[in-house]
Amino acid sequence: TLIARSRAGHGGTGADYLYTFMRTFYPDASKATGW
């Protein structure tokens, strides 16, 4: 509910973080989820 307001930091707003986060996944077989 409040994730966009709580994730703000030195890099920008919470929306900036979420926008970057959802566009920077990559496959990694060493991780439990594969990502």
PDB file of all heavy atoms in Angstrom:
ATOM      1  N   THR A   1       0.822  -1.208   0.000  1.00  0.00           N
ATOM      2  CA  THR A   1       0.000   0.000   0.000  1.00  0.00           C
ATOM      3  C   THR A   1       0.854   1.255   0.000  1.00  0.00           C
ATOM      4  O   THR A   1       0.585   2.197  -0.751  1.00  0.00           O
ATOM      5  CB  THR A   1      -0.945   0.025   1.226  1.00  0.00           C
ATOM      6  OG1 THR A   1      -1.574  -1.244   1.382  1.00  0.00           O
ATOM      7  CG2 THR A   1      -2.004   1.107   1.052  1.00  0.00           C
ATOM      8  N   LEU A   2       1.881   1.275   0.827  1.00  0.00           N
ATOM      9  CA  LEU A   2       2.706   2.474   0.967  1.00  0.00           C
ATOM     10  C   LEU A   2       4.129   2.259   0.448  1.00  0.00           C
ATOM     11  O   LEU A   2       5.031   3.034   0.786  1.00  0.00           O
ATOM     12  CB  LEU A   2       2.755   2.900   2.443  1.00  0.00           C
ATOM     13  CG  LEU A   2       1.407   3.233   3.089  1.00  0.00           C
ATOM     14  CD1 LEU A   2       1.585   3.498   4.575  1.00  0.00           C
ATOM     15  CD2 LEU A   2       0.768   4.438   2.418  1.00  0.00           C
ATOM     16  N   ILE A   3       4.321   1.252  -0.378  1.00  0.00           N
ATOM     17  CA  ILE A   3       5.674   0.901  -0.799  1.00  0.00           C
ATOM     18  C   ILE A   3       6.349   2.030  -1.569  1.00  0.00           C
ATOM     19  O   ILE A   3       7.550   2.271  -1.421  1.00  0.00           O
ATOM     20  CB  ILE A   3       5.638  -0.395  -1.646  1.00  0.00           C
ATOM     21  CG1 ILE A   3       7.042  -0.942  -1.848  1.00  0.00           C
ATOM     22  CG2 ILE A   3       4.924  -0.180  -2.965  1.00  0.00           C
ATOM     23  CD1 ILE A   3       7.659  -1.518  -0.603  1.00  0.00           C
ATOM     24  N   ALA A   4       5.584   2.753  -2.379  1.00  0.00           N
ATOM     25  CA  ALA A   4       6.183   3.827  -3.184  1.00  0.00           C
ATOM     26  C   ALA A   4       6.621   5.001  -2.317  1.00  0.00           C
ATOM     27  O   ALA A   4       7.509   5.763  -2.702  1.00  0.00           O
ATOM     28  CB  ALA A   4       5.200   4.303  -4.257  1.00  0.00           C
ATOM     29  N   ARG A   5       6.015   5.156  -1.155  1.00  0.00           N
ATOM     30  CA  ARG A   5       6.392   6.248  -0.261  1.00  0.00           C
ATOM     31  C   ARG A   5       7.522   5.832   0.675  1.00  0.00           C
ATOM     32  O   ARG A   5       8.292   6.677   1.140  1.00  0.00           O
ATOM     33  CB  ARG A   5       5.186   6.695   0.556  1.00  0.00           C
ATOM     34  CG  ARG A   5       4.005   7.163  -0.288  1.00  0.00           C
ATOM     35  CD  ARG A   5       2.874   7.700   0.550  1.00  0.00           C
ATOM     36  NE  ARG A   5       3.228   8.957   1.193  1.00  0.00           N
ATOM     37  CZ  ARG A   5       2.412   9.632   1.998  1.00  0.00           C
ATOM     38  NH1 ARG A   5       1.204   9.174   2.260  1.00  0.00           N
ATOM     39  NH2 ARG A   5       2.803  10.763   2.539  1.00  0.00           N
ATOM     40  N   SER A   6       7.628   4.540   0.955  1.00  0.00           N
ATOM     41  CA  SER A   6       8.607   4.077   1.942  1.00  0.00           C
ATOM     42  C   SER A   6       9.967   3.760   1.335  1.00  0.00           C
ATOM     43  O   SER A   6      10.944   3.625   2.067  1.00  0.00           O
ATOM     44  CB  SER A   6       8.073   2.828   2.647  1.00  0.00           C
ATOM     45  OG  SER A   6       7.956   1.739   1.737  1.00  0.00           O
ATOM     46  N   ARG A   7      10.057   3.641   0.022  1.00  0.00           N
ATOM     47  CA  ARG A   7      11.300   3.217  -0.609  1.00  0.00           C
ATOM     48  C   ARG A   7      12.159   4.375  -1.126  1.00  0.00           C
ATOM     49  O   ARG A   7      13.142   4.139  -1.834  1.00  0.00           O
ATOM     50  CB  ARG A   7      10.993   2.271  -1.770  1.00  0.00           C
ATOM     51  CG  ARG A   7      10.522   0.895  -1.318  1.00  0.00           C
ATOM     52  CD  ARG A   7      11.625   0.131  -0.636  1.00  0.00           C
ATOM     53  NE  ARG A   7      11.210  -1.206  -0.233  1.00  0.00           N
ATOM     54  CZ  ARG A   7      12.003  -2.108   0.306  1.00  0.00           C
ATOM     55  NH1 ARG A   7      13.272  -1.785   0.523  1.00  0.00           N
ATOM     56  NH2 ARG A   7      11.565  -3.288   0.648  1.00  0.00           N
ATOM     57  N   ALA A   8      11.794   5.592  -0.819  1.00  0.00           N
ATOM     58  CA  ALA A   8      12.608   6.734  -1.258  1.00  0.00           C
ATOM     59  C   ALA A   8      13.983   6.669  -0.593  1.00  0.00           C
ATOM     60  O   ALA A   8      14.136   6.183   0.529  1.00  0.00           O
ATOM     61  CB  ALA A   8      11.910   8.042  -0.902  1.00  0.00           C
ATOM     62  N   GLY A   9      14.990   7.138  -1.302  1.00  0.00           N
ATOM     63  CA  GLY A   9      16.344   7.123  -0.757  1.00  0.00           C
ATOM     64  C   GLY A   9      17.222   8.122  -1.469  1.00  0.00           C
ATOM     65  O   GLY A   9      16.740   8.985  -2.205  1.00  0.00           O
ATOM     66  N   HIS A  10      18.528   7.996  -1.271  1.00  0.00           N
ATOM     67  CA  HIS A  10      19.458   8.941  -1.878  1.00  0.00           C
ATOM     68  C   HIS A  10      19.427   8.871  -3.399  1.00  0.00           C
ATOM     69  O   HIS A  10      19.803   9.822  -4.076  1.00  0.00           O
ATOM     70  CB  HIS A  10      20.876   8.659  -1.373  1.00  0.00           C
ATOM     71  CG  HIS A  10      21.444   7.370  -1.873  1.00  0.00           C
ATOM     72  ND1 HIS A  10      21.141   6.154  -1.289  1.00  0.00           N
ATOM     73  CD2 HIS A  10      22.272   7.095  -2.920  1.00  0.00           C
ATOM     74  CE1 HIS A  10      21.765   5.193  -1.951  1.00  0.00           C
ATOM     75  NE2 HIS A  10      22.457   5.724  -2.936  1.00  0.00           N
ATOM     76  N   GLY A  11      18.967   7.743  -3.948  1.00  0.00           N
ATOM     77  CA  GLY A  11      18.944   7.586  -5.392  1.00  0.00           C
ATOM     78  C   GLY A  11      17.746   8.204  -6.076  1.00  0.00           C
ATOM     79  O   GLY A  11      17.716   8.305  -7.300  1.00  0.00           O
ATOM     80  N   GLY A  12      16.739   8.602  -5.294  1.00  0.00           N
ATOM     81  CA  GLY A  12      15.543   9.197  -5.885  1.00  0.00           C
ATOM     82  C   GLY A  12      14.312   8.866  -5.061  1.00  0.00           C
ATOM     83  O   GLY A  12      14.398   8.512  -3.883  1.00  0.00           O
ATOM     84  N   THR A  13      13.158   8.959  -5.683  1.00  0.00           N
ATOM     85  CA  THR A  13      11.902   8.681  -4.997  1.00  0.00           C
ATOM     86  C   THR A  13      11.671   7.181  -4.903  1.00  0.00           C
ATOM     87  O   THR A  13      12.342   6.380  -5.561  1.00  0.00           O
ATOM     88  CB  THR A  13      10.727   9.325  -5.751  1.00  0.00           C
ATOM     89  OG1 THR A  13      10.557   8.663  -7.029  1.00  0.00           O
ATOM     90  CG2 THR A  13      10.962  10.809  -5.986  1.00  0.00           C
ATOM     91  N   GLY A  14      10.658   6.811  -4.104  1.00  0.00           N
ATOM     92  CA  GLY A  14      10.288   5.407  -4.027  1.00  0.00           C
ATOM     93  C   GLY A  14       9.814   4.876  -5.367  1.00  0.00           C
ATOM     94  O   GLY A  14      10.061   3.714  -5.721  1.00  0.00           O
ATOM     95  N   ALA A  15       9.127   5.724  -6.138  1.00  0.00           N
ATOM     96  CA  ALA A  15       8.681   5.324  -7.471  1.00  0.00           C
ATOM     97  C   ALA A  15       9.868   5.050  -8.384  1.00  0.00           C
ATOM     98  O   ALA A  15       9.855   4.097  -9.174  1.00  0.00           O
ATOM     99  CB  ALA A  15       7.783   6.407  -8.067  1.00  0.00           C
ATOM    100  N   ASP A  16      10.923   5.865  -8.278  1.00  0.00           N
ATOM    101  CA  ASP A  16      12.135   5.652  -9.081  1.00  0.00           C
ATOM    102  C   ASP A  16      12.760   4.296  -8.740  1.00  0.00           C
ATOM    103  O   ASP A  16      13.193   3.555  -9.632  1.00  0.00           O
ATOM    104  CB  ASP A  16      13.157   6.762  -8.832  1.00  0.00           C
ATOM    105  CG  ASP A  16      12.663   8.123  -9.281  1.00  0.00           C
ATOM    106  OD1 ASP A  16      11.754   8.177 -10.138  1.00  0.00           O
ATOM    107  OD2 ASP A  16      13.171   9.143  -8.765  1.00  0.00           O
ATOM    108  N   TYR A  17      12.807   3.982  -7.448  1.00  0.00           N
ATOM    109  CA  TYR A  17      13.378   2.705  -7.030  1.00  0.00           C
ATOM    110  C   TYR A  17      12.571   1.542  -7.594  1.00  0.00           C
ATOM    111  O   TYR A  17      13.128   0.582  -8.153  1.00  0.00           O
ATOM    112  CB  TYR A  17      13.423   2.614  -5.506  1.00  0.00           C
ATOM    113  CG  TYR A  17      13.719   1.213  -5.019  1.00  0.00           C
ATOM    114  CD1 TYR A  17      15.016   0.712  -5.049  1.00  0.00           C
ATOM    115  CD2 TYR A  17      12.695   0.390  -4.562  1.00  0.00           C
ATOM    116  CE1 TYR A  17      15.292  -0.583  -4.639  1.00  0.00           C
ATOM    117  CE2 TYR A  17      12.959  -0.907  -4.150  1.00  0.00           C
ATOM    118  CZ  TYR A  17      14.247  -1.386  -4.179  1.00  0.00           C
ATOM    119  OH  TYR A  17      14.509  -2.670  -3.791  1.00  0.00           O
ATOM    120  N   LEU A  18      11.242   1.602  -7.455  1.00  0.00           N
ATOM    121  CA  LEU A  18      10.395   0.508  -7.923  1.00  0.00           C
ATOM    122  C   LEU A  18      10.491   0.342  -9.434  1.00  0.00           C
ATOM    123  O   LEU A  18      10.499  -0.785  -9.948  1.00  0.00           O
ATOM    124  CB  LEU A  18       8.943   0.762  -7.505  1.00  0.00           C
ATOM    125  CG  LEU A  18       8.665   0.726  -6.003  1.00  0.00           C
ATOM    126  CD1 LEU A  18       7.248   1.201  -5.722  1.00  0.00           C
ATOM    127  CD2 LEU A  18       8.878  -0.678  -5.448  1.00  0.00           C
ATOM    128  N   TYR A  19      10.543   1.458 -10.147  1.00  0.00           N
ATOM    129  CA  TYR A  19      10.651   1.429 -11.605  1.00  0.00           C
ATOM    130  C   TYR A  19      11.959   0.763 -12.029  1.00  0.00           C
ATOM    131  O   TYR A  19      11.987  -0.043 -12.958  1.00  0.00           O
ATOM    132  CB  TYR A  19      10.580   2.854 -12.145  1.00  0.00           C
ATOM    133  CG  TYR A  19      10.593   2.980 -13.646  1.00  0.00           C
ATOM    134  CD1 TYR A  19       9.561   2.455 -14.425  1.00  0.00           C
ATOM    135  CD2 TYR A  19      11.641   3.636 -14.293  1.00  0.00           C
ATOM    136  CE1 TYR A  19       9.575   2.574 -15.805  1.00  0.00           C
ATOM    137  CE2 TYR A  19      11.657   3.768 -15.675  1.00  0.00           C
ATOM    138  CZ  TYR A  19      10.622   3.241 -16.417  1.00  0.00           C
ATOM    139  OH  TYR A  19      10.636   3.363 -17.789  1.00  0.00           O
ATOM    140  N   THR A  20      13.032   1.072 -11.322  1.00  0.00           N
ATOM    141  CA  THR A  20      14.325   0.453 -11.607  1.00  0.00           C
ATOM    142  C   THR A  20      14.324  -1.016 -11.209  1.00  0.00           C
ATOM    143  O   THR A  20      14.783  -1.885 -11.964  1.00  0.00           O
ATOM    144  CB  THR A  20      15.449   1.197 -10.860  1.00  0.00           C
ATOM    145  OG1 THR A  20      15.399   2.586 -11.191  1.00  0.00           O
ATOM    146  CG2 THR A  20      16.813   0.646 -11.217  1.00  0.00           C
ATOM    147  N   PHE A  21      13.786  -1.303 -10.044  1.00  0.00           N
ATOM    148  CA  PHE A  21      13.755  -2.669  -9.513  1.00  0.00           C
ATOM    149  C   PHE A  21      13.027  -3.627 -10.455  1.00  0.00           C
ATOM    150  O   PHE A  21      13.523  -4.722 -10.756  1.00  0.00           O
ATOM    151  CB  PHE A  21      13.075  -2.646  -8.139  1.00  0.00           C
ATOM    152  CG  PHE A  21      12.795  -4.006  -7.561  1.00  0.00           C
ATOM    153  CD1 PHE A  21      13.819  -4.796  -7.068  1.00  0.00           C
ATOM    154  CD2 PHE A  21      11.495  -4.498  -7.494  1.00  0.00           C
ATOM    155  CE1 PHE A  21      13.567  -6.042  -6.522  1.00  0.00           C
ATOM    156  CE2 PHE A  21      11.228  -5.743  -6.955  1.00  0.00           C
ATOM    157  CZ  PHE A  21      12.271  -6.520  -6.477  1.00  0.00           C
ATOM    158  N   MET A  22      11.861  -3.228 -10.949  1.00  0.00           N
ATOM    159  CA  MET A  22      11.062  -4.115 -11.790  1.00  0.00           C
ATOM    160  C   MET A  22      11.642  -4.284 -13.197  1.00  0.00           C
ATOM    161  O   MET A  22      11.158  -5.101 -13.967  1.00  0.00           O
ATOM    162  CB  MET A  22       9.624  -3.597 -11.884  1.00  0.00           C
ATOM    163  CG  MET A  22       8.836  -3.684 -10.592  1.00  0.00           C
ATOM    164  SD  MET A  22       8.780  -5.357  -9.891  1.00  0.00           S
ATOM    165  CE  MET A  22       7.998  -6.276 -11.212  1.00  0.00           C
ATOM    166  N   ARG A  23      12.694  -3.542 -13.509  1.00  0.00           N
ATOM    167  CA  ARG A  23      13.293  -3.629 -14.841  1.00  0.00           C
ATOM    168  C   ARG A  23      14.729  -4.146 -14.799  1.00  0.00           C
ATOM    169  O   ARG A  23      15.423  -4.108 -15.813  1.00  0.00           O
ATOM    170  CB  ARG A  23      13.259  -2.240 -15.503  1.00  0.00           C
ATOM    171  CG  ARG A  23      11.851  -1.772 -15.802  1.00  0.00           C
ATOM    172  CD  ARG A  23      11.740  -0.273 -16.085  1.00  0.00           C
ATOM    173  NE  ARG A  23      12.661   0.182 -17.101  1.00  0.00           N
ATOM    174  CZ  ARG A  23      13.748   0.923 -16.846  1.00  0.00           C
ATOM    175  NH1 ARG A  23      14.031   1.304 -15.595  1.00  0.00           N
ATOM    176  NH2 ARG A  23      14.523   1.308 -17.831  1.00  0.00           N
ATOM    177  N   THR A  24      15.174  -4.638 -13.630  1.00  0.00           N
ATOM    178  CA  THR A  24      16.569  -5.090 -13.525  1.00  0.00           C
ATOM    179  C   THR A  24      16.688  -6.510 -12.981  1.00  0.00           C
ATOM    180  O   THR A  24      17.679  -6.858 -12.334  1.00  0.00           O
ATOM    181  CB  THR A  24      17.391  -4.119 -12.639  1.00  0.00           C
ATOM    182  OG1 THR A  24      16.740  -3.962 -11.367  1.00  0.00           O
ATOM    183  CG2 THR A  24      17.535  -2.769 -13.308  1.00  0.00           C
ATOM    184  N   PHE A  25      15.695  -7.352 -13.237  1.00  0.00           N
ATOM    185  CA  PHE A  25      15.816  -8.773 -12.916  1.00  0.00           C
ATOM    186  C   PHE A  25      16.645  -9.475 -13.994  1.00  0.00           C
ATOM    187  O   PHE A  25      16.629  -9.087 -15.165  1.00  0.00           O
ATOM    188  CB  PHE A  25      14.439  -9.433 -12.854  1.00  0.00           C
ATOM    189  CG  PHE A  25      13.722  -9.252 -11.545  1.00  0.00           C
ATOM    190  CD1 PHE A  25      12.807  -8.229 -11.384  1.00  0.00           C
ATOM    191  CD2 PHE A  25      13.945 -10.117 -10.484  1.00  0.00           C
ATOM    192  CE1 PHE A  25      12.133  -8.059 -10.183  1.00  0.00           C
ATOM    193  CE2 PHE A  25      13.284  -9.963  -9.285  1.00  0.00           C
ATOM    194  CZ  PHE A  25      12.367  -8.926  -9.124  1.00  0.00           C
ATOM    195  N   TYR A  26      17.348 -10.523 -13.579  1.00  0.00           N
ATOM    196  CA  TYR A  26      18.081 -11.337 -14.537  1.00  0.00           C
ATOM    197  C   TYR A  26      18.174 -12.771 -13.996  1.00  0.00           C
ATOM    198  O   TYR A  26      18.168 -12.989 -12.780  1.00  0.00           O
ATOM    199  CB  TYR A  26      19.481 -10.775 -14.800  1.00  0.00           C
ATOM    200  CG  TYR A  26      20.383 -10.709 -13.594  1.00  0.00           C
ATOM    201  CD1 TYR A  26      21.284 -11.740 -13.299  1.00  0.00           C
ATOM    202  CD2 TYR A  26      20.361  -9.609 -12.737  1.00  0.00           C
ATOM    203  CE1 TYR A  26      22.121 -11.689 -12.208  1.00  0.00           C
ATOM    204  CE2 TYR A  26      21.183  -9.541 -11.632  1.00  0.00           C
ATOM    205  CZ  TYR A  26      22.066 -10.582 -11.375  1.00  0.00           C
ATOM    206  OH  TYR A  26      22.894 -10.521 -10.276  1.00  0.00           O
ATOM    207  N   PRO A  27      18.236 -13.775 -14.876  1.00  0.00           N
ATOM    208  CA  PRO A  27      18.295 -15.170 -14.415  1.00  0.00           C
ATOM    209  C   PRO A  27      19.583 -15.455 -13.653  1.00  0.00           C
ATOM    210  O   PRO A  27      20.661 -14.997 -14.026  1.00  0.00           O
ATOM    211  CB  PRO A  27      18.249 -15.973 -15.726  1.00  0.00           C
ATOM    212  CG  PRO A  27      17.737 -15.038 -16.756  1.00  0.00           C
ATOM    213  CD  PRO A  27      18.183 -13.674 -16.340  1.00  0.00           C
ATOM    214  N   ASP A  28      19.443 -16.217 -12.571  1.00  0.00           N
ATOM    215  CA  ASP A  28      20.601 -16.609 -11.769  1.00  0.00           C
ATOM    216  C   ASP A  28      20.289 -17.970 -11.154  1.00  0.00           C
ATOM    217  O   ASP A  28      19.505 -18.074 -10.208  1.00  0.00           O
ATOM    218  CB  ASP A  28      20.881 -15.577 -10.681  1.00  0.00           C
ATOM    219  CG  ASP A  28      22.179 -15.860  -9.924  1.00  0.00           C
ATOM    220  OD1 ASP A  28      22.668 -17.008  -9.993  1.00  0.00           O
ATOM    221  OD2 ASP A  28      22.703 -14.953  -9.266  1.00  0.00           O
ATOM    222  N   ALA A  29      20.899 -18.999 -11.701  1.00  0.00           N
ATOM    223  CA  ALA A  29      20.601 -20.362 -11.266  1.00  0.00           C
ATOM    224  C   ALA A  29      21.027 -20.633  -9.828  1.00  0.00           C
ATOM    225  O   ALA A  29      20.563 -21.596  -9.210  1.00  0.00           O
ATOM    226  CB  ALA A  29      21.280 -21.365 -12.204  1.00  0.00           C
ATOM    227  N   SER A  30      21.902 -19.796  -9.277  1.00  0.00           N
ATOM    228  CA  SER A  30      22.367 -20.017  -7.909  1.00  0.00           C
ATOM    229  C   SER A  30      21.345 -19.566  -6.860  1.00  0.00           C
ATOM    230  O   SER A  30      21.489 -19.876  -5.681  1.00  0.00           O
ATOM    231  CB  SER A  30      23.688 -19.285  -7.672  1.00  0.00           C
ATOM    232  OG  SER A  30      23.499 -17.873  -7.694  1.00  0.00           O
ATOM    233  N   LYS A  31      20.322 -18.828  -7.287  1.00  0.00           N
ATOM    234  CA  LYS A  31      19.313 -18.330  -6.360  1.00  0.00           C
ATOM    235  C   LYS A  31      18.135 -19.301  -6.292  1.00  0.00           C
ATOM    236  O   LYS A  31      17.821 -19.987  -7.268  1.00  0.00           O
ATOM    237  CB  LYS A  31      18.813 -16.948  -6.781  1.00  0.00           C
ATOM    238  CG  LYS A  31      19.922 -15.915  -6.935  1.00  0.00           C
ATOM    239  CD  LYS A  31      20.682 -15.705  -5.642  1.00  0.00           C
ATOM    240  CE  LYS A  31      21.783 -14.659  -5.806  1.00  0.00           C
ATOM    241  NZ  LYS A  31      22.589 -14.506  -4.586  1.00  0.00           N
ATOM    242  N   ALA A  32      17.473 -19.331  -5.146  1.00  0.00           N
ATOM    243  CA  ALA A  32      16.361 -20.263  -4.947  1.00  0.00           C
ATOM    244  C   ALA A  32      15.227 -20.025  -5.934  1.00  0.00           C
ATOM    245  O   ALA A  32      14.566 -20.964  -6.390  1.00  0.00           O
ATOM    246  CB  ALA A  32      15.842 -20.137  -3.517  1.00  0.00           C
ATOM    247  N   THR A  33      14.996 -18.767  -6.275  1.00  0.00           N
ATOM    248  CA  THR A  33      13.911 -18.440  -7.208  1.00  0.00           C
ATOM    249  C   THR A  33      14.353 -18.513  -8.663  1.00  0.00           C
ATOM    250  O   THR A  33      13.529 -18.443  -9.571  1.00  0.00           O
ATOM    251  CB  THR A  33      13.381 -17.017  -6.939  1.00  0.00           C
ATOM    252  OG1 THR A  33      14.432 -16.065  -7.167  1.00  0.00           O
ATOM    253  CG2 THR A  33      12.881 -16.881  -5.515  1.00  0.00           C
ATOM    254  N   GLY A  34      15.676 -18.624  -8.886  1.00  0.00           N
ATOM    255  CA  GLY A  34      16.192 -18.609 -10.249  1.00  0.00           C
ATOM    256  C   GLY A  34      16.422 -17.221 -10.800  1.00  0.00           C
ATOM    257  O   GLY A  34      16.760 -17.059 -11.972  1.00  0.00           O
ATOM    258  N   TRP A  35      16.256 -16.191  -9.943  1.00  0.00           N
ATOM    259  CA  TRP A  35      16.380 -14.809 -10.402  1.00  0.00           C
ATOM    260  C   TRP A  35      17.164 -13.991  -9.377  1.00  0.00           C
ATOM    261  O   TRP A  35      17.140 -14.278  -8.186  1.00  0.00           O
ATOM    262  CB  TRP A  35      15.001 -14.158 -10.590  1.00  0.00           C
ATOM    263  CG  TRP A  35      14.175 -14.778 -11.663  1.00  0.00           C
ATOM    264  CD1 TRP A  35      13.272 -15.799 -11.518  1.00  0.00           C
ATOM    265  CD2 TRP A  35      14.184 -14.441 -13.050  1.00  0.00           C
ATOM    266  NE1 TRP A  35      12.718 -16.108 -12.719  1.00  0.00           N
ATOM    267  CE2 TRP A  35      13.254 -15.296 -13.681  1.00  0.00           C
ATOM    268  CE3 TRP A  35      14.884 -13.513 -13.814  1.00  0.00           C
ATOM    269  CZ2 TRP A  35      13.011 -15.236 -15.050  1.00  0.00           C
ATOM    270  CZ3 TRP A  35      14.639 -13.453 -15.181  1.00  0.00           C
ATOM    271  CH2 TRP A  35      13.722 -14.308 -15.790  1.00  0.00           C
TER     272      TRP A  35
END
